[in-house]
Amino acid sequence: MKRLLLLPALLALTACGTPQDQCINRNTRDLRTIDRLITETKGNLDRGYAYEEVTIWRPSWEYCDPPPVAEGEQPPPPRLCLDEEQETIRRPKAIDLAAEAKKLDGLLAKRAQLARAAEPVIAQCRAQYPE
């Protein structure tokens, strides 16, 4: 019953945003990506280092699947097996601050270019889908 109640909620989430918002979002995806990279690069320069994500594997004990049991036999007691669990961690990473500043300048220039190119597309979306 609970699953049936979740279906309308999921359908509502997939239809979020007006057609105008969807049009603008679809046509400014690169601009949002550049904005995210600019924010990340500014944070790296402010901190003086970057973060990198690393995947590590940790041992963990899990209950093993019991072997098949013939009819009338008693199942064996549960037992533990050693397994590996994946975990992604974030750790500091040294960066070249001059190169990071140069990267930021390039991203800002690219953002200005993309913003100029997006203006007519945004105007077209607003004209096509008035609110």
N, C-alpha and C. Protein backbone atom coordinates (compact mmCIF):
# COMPACT_ATOMS: atom_id res chain seq x y z
N MET A 1 0.82 -1.19 0.00
CA MET A 1 0.00 0.00 0.00
C MET A 1 0.87 1.26 0.00
N LYS A 2 1.95 1.21 0.79
CA LYS A 2 2.84 2.37 0.85
C LYS A 2 3.48 2.64 -0.50
N ARG A 3 3.77 1.56 -1.24
CA ARG A 3 4.39 1.73 -2.56
C ARG A 3 3.44 2.46 -3.50
N LEU A 4 2.16 2.18 -3.38
CA LEU A 4 1.19 2.86 -4.24
C LEU A 4 1.12 4.34 -3.94
N LEU A 5 1.33 4.71 -2.69
CA LEU A 5 1.31 6.12 -2.31
C LEU A 5 2.56 6.84 -2.80
N LEU A 6 3.66 6.14 -2.96
CA LEU A 6 4.89 6.77 -3.41
C LEU A 6 4.86 7.10 -4.89
N LEU A 7 4.10 6.34 -5.67
CA LEU A 7 4.07 6.54 -7.11
C LEU A 7 3.63 7.95 -7.49
N PRO A 8 2.54 8.51 -6.97
CA PRO A 8 2.17 9.88 -7.34
C PRO A 8 3.24 10.90 -6.93
N ALA A 9 3.88 10.66 -5.80
CA ALA A 9 4.93 11.59 -5.36
C ALA A 9 6.10 11.57 -6.34
N LEU A 10 6.48 10.39 -6.79
CA LEU A 10 7.58 10.30 -7.76
C LEU A 10 7.21 10.93 -9.09
N LEU A 11 5.97 10.74 -9.53
CA LEU A 11 5.53 11.35 -10.78
C LEU A 11 5.51 12.87 -10.67
N ALA A 12 5.14 13.37 -9.51
CA ALA A 12 5.12 14.82 -9.32
C ALA A 12 6.53 15.39 -9.36
N LEU A 13 7.49 14.67 -8.80
CA LEU A 13 8.87 15.16 -8.81
C LEU A 13 9.45 15.19 -10.22
N THR A 14 9.09 14.24 -11.06
CA THR A 14 9.63 14.22 -12.41
C THR A 14 9.07 15.34 -13.26
N ALA A 15 7.94 15.89 -12.88
CA ALA A 15 7.32 16.96 -13.65
C ALA A 15 7.56 18.32 -13.02
N CYS A 16 8.60 18.46 -12.22
CA CYS A 16 8.87 19.72 -11.53
C CYS A 16 9.24 20.81 -12.53
N GLY A 17 8.86 22.01 -12.22
CA GLY A 17 9.23 23.16 -13.03
C GLY A 17 8.22 23.41 -14.13
N THR A 18 8.06 24.67 -14.42
CA THR A 18 7.17 25.04 -15.51
C THR A 18 7.85 24.73 -16.84
N PRO A 19 7.12 24.69 -17.93
CA PRO A 19 7.77 24.48 -19.23
C PRO A 19 8.85 25.52 -19.51
N GLN A 20 8.62 26.76 -19.07
CA GLN A 20 9.63 27.80 -19.25
C GLN A 20 10.90 27.44 -18.47
N ASP A 21 10.76 27.02 -17.22
CA ASP A 21 11.92 26.63 -16.42
C ASP A 21 12.65 25.45 -17.05
N GLN A 22 11.89 24.49 -17.54
CA GLN A 22 12.51 23.32 -18.16
C GLN A 22 13.28 23.72 -19.41
N CYS A 23 12.73 24.62 -20.21
CA CYS A 23 13.40 25.09 -21.41
C CYS A 23 14.70 25.82 -21.06
N ILE A 24 14.62 26.70 -20.08
CA ILE A 24 15.82 27.45 -19.66
C ILE A 24 16.87 26.51 -19.09
N ASN A 25 16.46 25.59 -18.22
CA ASN A 25 17.41 24.64 -17.63
C ASN A 25 18.07 23.77 -18.69
N ARG A 26 17.29 23.32 -19.65
CA ARG A 26 17.82 22.46 -20.70
C ARG A 26 18.87 23.20 -21.55
N ASN A 27 18.68 24.50 -21.75
CA ASN A 27 19.56 25.26 -22.63
C ASN A 27 20.68 25.99 -21.90
N THR A 28 20.72 25.91 -20.58
CA THR A 28 21.81 26.57 -19.83
C THR A 28 22.57 25.58 -18.97
N ARG A 29 22.56 24.32 -19.35
CA ARG A 29 23.24 23.27 -18.58
C ARG A 29 24.75 23.55 -18.48
N ASP A 30 25.38 23.95 -19.59
CA ASP A 30 26.82 24.23 -19.58
C ASP A 30 27.15 25.40 -18.67
N LEU A 31 26.29 26.40 -18.68
CA LEU A 31 26.51 27.57 -17.82
C LEU A 31 26.47 27.16 -16.34
N ARG A 32 25.54 26.30 -15.96
CA ARG A 32 25.48 25.84 -14.56
C ARG A 32 26.71 25.01 -14.21
N THR A 33 27.20 24.23 -15.15
CA THR A 33 28.41 23.44 -14.90
C THR A 33 29.60 24.36 -14.67
N ILE A 34 29.74 25.38 -15.50
CA ILE A 34 30.84 26.35 -15.34
C ILE A 34 30.71 27.06 -13.99
N ASP A 35 29.49 27.42 -13.59
CA ASP A 35 29.29 28.08 -12.29
C ASP A 35 29.74 27.18 -11.15
N ARG A 36 29.43 25.88 -11.25
CA ARG A 36 29.85 24.94 -10.21
C ARG A 36 31.37 24.83 -10.16
N LEU A 37 32.01 24.79 -11.33
CA LEU A 37 33.48 24.71 -11.37
C LEU A 37 34.13 25.99 -10.85
N ILE A 38 33.53 27.14 -11.12
CA ILE A 38 34.05 28.40 -10.60
C ILE A 38 33.98 28.41 -9.08
N THR A 39 32.86 27.96 -8.52
CA THR A 39 32.71 27.91 -7.07
C THR A 39 33.75 26.98 -6.45
N GLU A 40 33.96 25.83 -7.07
CA GLU A 40 34.95 24.88 -6.57
C GLU A 40 36.36 25.46 -6.64
N THR A 41 36.70 26.12 -7.74
CA THR A 41 38.04 26.69 -7.91
C THR A 41 38.28 27.83 -6.93
N LYS A 42 37.27 28.68 -6.72
CA LYS A 42 37.41 29.75 -5.73
C LYS A 42 37.62 29.18 -4.34
N GLY A 43 36.90 28.11 -4.01
CA GLY A 43 37.09 27.46 -2.71
C GLY A 43 38.50 26.90 -2.57
N ASN A 44 39.03 26.30 -3.63
CA ASN A 44 40.40 25.78 -3.60
C ASN A 44 41.39 26.91 -3.35
N LEU A 45 41.21 28.03 -4.02
CA LEU A 45 42.13 29.17 -3.84
C LEU A 45 42.01 29.74 -2.43
N ASP A 46 40.79 29.83 -1.90
CA ASP A 46 40.60 30.36 -0.55
C ASP A 46 41.25 29.45 0.50
N ARG A 47 41.10 28.13 0.33
CA ARG A 47 41.67 27.18 1.28
C ARG A 47 43.17 27.02 1.09
N GLY A 48 43.62 27.08 -0.16
CA GLY A 48 45.03 26.83 -0.46
C GLY A 48 45.29 25.38 -0.85
N TYR A 49 44.26 24.58 -0.91
CA TYR A 49 44.38 23.18 -1.32
C TYR A 49 43.03 22.74 -1.88
N ALA A 50 43.06 21.61 -2.58
CA ALA A 50 41.84 21.05 -3.16
C ALA A 50 41.46 19.79 -2.40
N TYR A 51 40.32 19.24 -2.74
CA TYR A 51 39.90 17.95 -2.22
C TYR A 51 39.86 16.97 -3.39
N GLU A 52 40.22 15.73 -3.10
CA GLU A 52 40.05 14.68 -4.09
C GLU A 52 39.26 13.55 -3.45
N GLU A 53 38.45 12.92 -4.28
CA GLU A 53 37.68 11.78 -3.80
C GLU A 53 38.41 10.51 -4.16
N VAL A 54 38.58 9.64 -3.17
CA VAL A 54 39.31 8.39 -3.34
C VAL A 54 38.40 7.25 -2.87
N THR A 55 38.35 6.18 -3.64
CA THR A 55 37.57 5.02 -3.26
C THR A 55 38.49 4.02 -2.58
N ILE A 56 38.08 3.61 -1.38
CA ILE A 56 38.86 2.62 -0.64
C ILE A 56 37.96 1.42 -0.36
N TRP A 57 38.58 0.31 -0.09
CA TRP A 57 37.85 -0.92 0.23
C TRP A 57 38.18 -1.31 1.66
N ARG A 58 37.16 -1.51 2.46
CA ARG A 58 37.34 -1.89 3.86
C ARG A 58 36.77 -3.29 4.07
N PRO A 59 37.46 -4.09 4.89
CA PRO A 59 36.90 -5.41 5.19
C PRO A 59 35.68 -5.27 6.11
N SER A 60 34.71 -6.13 5.87
CA SER A 60 33.53 -6.13 6.73
C SER A 60 33.01 -7.56 6.85
N TRP A 61 32.44 -7.85 7.99
CA TRP A 61 31.87 -9.18 8.24
C TRP A 61 30.40 -9.15 7.91
N GLU A 62 29.96 -10.08 7.07
CA GLU A 62 28.57 -10.20 6.66
C GLU A 62 28.11 -11.63 6.92
N TYR A 63 26.82 -11.80 7.14
CA TYR A 63 26.28 -13.14 7.27
C TYR A 63 26.28 -13.81 5.90
N CYS A 64 26.80 -15.04 5.83
CA CYS A 64 26.86 -15.80 4.58
C CYS A 64 25.49 -16.36 4.25
N ASP A 65 25.28 -16.61 2.97
CA ASP A 65 24.05 -17.29 2.56
C ASP A 65 24.13 -18.73 3.03
N PRO A 66 23.07 -19.22 3.65
CA PRO A 66 23.12 -20.61 4.14
C PRO A 66 23.08 -21.58 2.95
N PRO A 67 23.74 -22.72 3.09
CA PRO A 67 23.70 -23.72 2.01
C PRO A 67 22.30 -24.33 1.94
N PRO A 68 21.94 -24.88 0.77
CA PRO A 68 20.62 -25.51 0.66
C PRO A 68 20.52 -26.69 1.62
N VAL A 69 19.32 -26.87 2.16
CA VAL A 69 19.09 -27.91 3.15
C VAL A 69 18.05 -28.86 2.59
N ALA A 70 18.31 -30.14 2.74
CA ALA A 70 17.35 -31.15 2.29
C ALA A 70 16.13 -31.13 3.21
N GLU A 71 15.04 -31.59 2.70
CA GLU A 71 13.81 -31.59 3.47
C GLU A 71 13.96 -32.47 4.71
N GLY A 72 13.56 -31.92 5.83
CA GLY A 72 13.63 -32.66 7.08
C GLY A 72 14.92 -32.40 7.86
N GLU A 73 15.93 -31.84 7.23
CA GLU A 73 17.19 -31.54 7.93
C GLU A 73 17.09 -30.19 8.61
N GLN A 74 17.86 -30.04 9.66
CA GLN A 74 17.89 -28.78 10.37
C GLN A 74 18.92 -27.87 9.70
N PRO A 75 18.59 -26.60 9.46
CA PRO A 75 19.56 -25.71 8.82
C PRO A 75 20.75 -25.46 9.73
N PRO A 76 21.94 -25.26 9.15
CA PRO A 76 23.12 -24.99 9.97
C PRO A 76 23.00 -23.62 10.62
N PRO A 77 23.74 -23.39 11.69
CA PRO A 77 23.68 -22.08 12.34
C PRO A 77 24.27 -21.02 11.40
N PRO A 78 23.82 -19.79 11.54
CA PRO A 78 24.36 -18.73 10.69
C PRO A 78 25.85 -18.54 10.94
N ARG A 79 26.57 -18.17 9.87
CA ARG A 79 28.01 -17.94 10.03
C ARG A 79 28.38 -16.64 9.31
N LEU A 80 29.50 -16.09 9.73
CA LEU A 80 29.97 -14.83 9.17
C LEU A 80 31.04 -15.11 8.11
N CYS A 81 31.03 -14.28 7.07
CA CYS A 81 32.04 -14.34 6.01
C CYS A 81 32.67 -12.97 5.87
N LEU A 82 33.95 -12.96 5.56
CA LEU A 82 34.66 -11.70 5.35
C LEU A 82 34.37 -11.20 3.94
N ASP A 83 33.97 -9.96 3.85
CA ASP A 83 33.65 -9.33 2.57
C ASP A 83 34.34 -7.97 2.53
N GLU A 84 34.27 -7.29 1.40
CA GLU A 84 34.83 -5.95 1.29
C GLU A 84 33.72 -4.96 1.01
N GLU A 85 33.84 -3.79 1.62
CA GLU A 85 32.85 -2.75 1.47
C GLU A 85 33.53 -1.53 0.85
N GLN A 86 32.91 -0.97 -0.19
CA GLN A 86 33.47 0.19 -0.87
C GLN A 86 33.06 1.46 -0.14
N GLU A 87 34.02 2.37 0.01
CA GLU A 87 33.74 3.66 0.64
C GLU A 87 34.50 4.74 -0.11
N THR A 88 33.85 5.85 -0.36
CA THR A 88 34.50 6.98 -1.03
C THR A 88 34.77 8.04 0.03
N ILE A 89 36.03 8.44 0.13
CA ILE A 89 36.41 9.46 1.12
C ILE A 89 36.95 10.68 0.39
N ARG A 90 36.93 11.80 1.07
CA ARG A 90 37.46 13.05 0.53
C ARG A 90 38.69 13.41 1.33
N ARG A 91 39.80 13.65 0.63
CA ARG A 91 41.01 14.01 1.35
C ARG A 91 41.67 15.22 0.70
N PRO A 92 42.44 15.98 1.47
CA PRO A 92 43.10 17.17 0.92
C PRO A 92 44.16 16.80 -0.11
N LYS A 93 44.34 17.70 -1.07
CA LYS A 93 45.32 17.49 -2.13
C LYS A 93 46.02 18.81 -2.40
N ALA A 94 47.34 18.79 -2.48
CA ALA A 94 48.10 20.00 -2.78
C ALA A 94 47.85 20.43 -4.22
N ILE A 95 47.80 21.75 -4.42
CA ILE A 95 47.58 22.28 -5.77
C ILE A 95 48.58 23.40 -6.04
N ASP A 96 48.77 23.69 -7.32
CA ASP A 96 49.58 24.82 -7.74
C ASP A 96 48.64 26.03 -7.77
N LEU A 97 48.83 26.96 -6.84
CA LEU A 97 47.91 28.08 -6.71
C LEU A 97 47.92 28.98 -7.95
N ALA A 98 49.08 29.14 -8.60
CA ALA A 98 49.16 29.96 -9.80
C ALA A 98 48.35 29.31 -10.94
N ALA A 99 48.48 28.02 -11.08
CA ALA A 99 47.73 27.31 -12.12
C ALA A 99 46.23 27.36 -11.81
N GLU A 100 45.88 27.27 -10.53
CA GLU A 100 44.47 27.32 -10.14
C GLU A 100 43.89 28.71 -10.43
N ALA A 101 44.68 29.77 -10.19
CA ALA A 101 44.22 31.12 -10.50
C ALA A 101 44.05 31.30 -12.01
N LYS A 102 44.96 30.73 -12.77
CA LYS A 102 44.86 30.80 -14.24
C LYS A 102 43.61 30.04 -14.72
N LYS A 103 43.34 28.90 -14.10
CA LYS A 103 42.15 28.12 -14.43
C LYS A 103 40.89 28.92 -14.13
N LEU A 104 40.89 29.64 -13.00
CA LEU A 104 39.74 30.46 -12.63
C LEU A 104 39.51 31.56 -13.66
N ASP A 105 40.59 32.19 -14.11
CA ASP A 105 40.45 33.23 -15.13
C ASP A 105 39.83 32.67 -16.41
N GLY A 106 40.27 31.48 -16.81
CA GLY A 106 39.71 30.85 -18.00
C GLY A 106 38.24 30.50 -17.82
N LEU A 107 37.89 30.01 -16.64
CA LEU A 107 36.49 29.67 -16.37
C LEU A 107 35.60 30.92 -16.37
N LEU A 108 36.11 32.03 -15.80
CA LEU A 108 35.33 33.26 -15.79
C LEU A 108 35.13 33.79 -17.20
N ALA A 109 36.15 33.69 -18.05
CA ALA A 109 36.02 34.13 -19.44
C ALA A 109 35.00 33.25 -20.18
N LYS A 110 35.08 31.95 -19.95
CA LYS A 110 34.14 31.03 -20.60
C LYS A 110 32.72 31.28 -20.11
N ARG A 111 32.57 31.60 -18.82
CA ARG A 111 31.24 31.88 -18.28
C ARG A 111 30.63 33.11 -18.94
N ALA A 112 31.44 34.16 -19.13
CA ALA A 112 30.94 35.38 -19.78
C ALA A 112 30.49 35.06 -21.21
N GLN A 113 31.26 34.23 -21.91
CA GLN A 113 30.91 33.84 -23.27
C GLN A 113 29.60 33.05 -23.29
N LEU A 114 29.47 32.09 -22.39
CA LEU A 114 28.25 31.28 -22.33
C LEU A 114 27.04 32.11 -21.91
N ALA A 115 27.24 33.06 -21.01
CA ALA A 115 26.13 33.92 -20.56
C ALA A 115 25.62 34.77 -21.72
N ARG A 116 26.54 35.30 -22.54
CA ARG A 116 26.12 36.08 -23.70
C ARG A 116 25.34 35.20 -24.69
N ALA A 117 25.81 33.98 -24.89
CA ALA A 117 25.13 33.07 -25.82
C ALA A 117 23.79 32.61 -25.27
N ALA A 118 23.63 32.57 -23.97
CA ALA A 118 22.39 32.08 -23.36
C ALA A 118 21.29 33.14 -23.34
N GLU A 119 21.65 34.41 -23.41
CA GLU A 119 20.63 35.47 -23.32
C GLU A 119 19.54 35.33 -24.38
N PRO A 120 19.87 35.16 -25.67
CA PRO A 120 18.77 35.02 -26.64
C PRO A 120 17.97 33.73 -26.46
N VAL A 121 18.64 32.68 -26.02
CA VAL A 121 17.93 31.41 -25.80
C VAL A 121 16.94 31.55 -24.64
N ILE A 122 17.36 32.23 -23.58
CA ILE A 122 16.48 32.46 -22.44
C ILE A 122 15.30 33.32 -22.86
N ALA A 123 15.57 34.36 -23.67
CA ALA A 123 14.49 35.22 -24.14
C ALA A 123 13.51 34.42 -25.01
N GLN A 124 14.04 33.53 -25.83
CA GLN A 124 13.19 32.69 -26.67
C GLN A 124 12.32 31.76 -25.81
N CYS A 125 12.91 31.17 -24.77
CA CYS A 125 12.13 30.29 -23.87
C CYS A 125 11.03 31.09 -23.18
N ARG A 126 11.34 32.31 -22.77
CA ARG A 126 10.32 33.13 -22.08
C ARG A 126 9.20 33.53 -23.04
N ALA A 127 9.57 33.77 -24.32
CA ALA A 127 8.54 34.13 -25.30
C ALA A 127 7.70 32.91 -25.67
N GLN A 128 8.35 31.76 -25.78
CA GLN A 128 7.66 30.54 -26.18
C GLN A 128 6.74 30.02 -25.08
N TYR A 129 7.19 30.15 -23.80
CA TYR A 129 6.42 29.64 -22.66
C TYR A 129 6.19 30.77 -21.64
N PRO A 130 5.33 31.72 -21.93
CA PRO A 130 5.09 32.80 -20.95
C PRO A 130 4.41 32.24 -19.70
N GLU A 131 4.72 32.85 -18.57
CA GLU A 131 4.12 32.37 -17.31
C GLU A 131 2.89 33.13 -16.93
